Amino acid sequence: MSAFSKKHQESHSQPALNEIQSLFRAIMESGKINRVTQQRFMQALLQKKIITAHDEVLINQVFDLLRAGRLRVVD
């Protein structure tokens, strides 16, 4: 199998995460959000012309966790 075929196959087996999904993953893994990550998260939201249903669920999860005090905000 050529390197191109292998890379092409890998890209179809696991779709690349978009910025919102990547930030969400980092936030959930750390259990906290800092100001820089918060700004990047908001910029990613504002830059998207269309927010997918999946992204909307992730966004709502972050805000729900913040409101519930289950996600720490650090500086």
Foldseek 3Di string as FASTA:
>chain_A
DDPVVVVVVVCVVDPDDDQLRVLLVVQVVVLEEEPVSVVSNVVSVVPDPDQDPVSVVSVVVVVVCVVVVRRYYDD
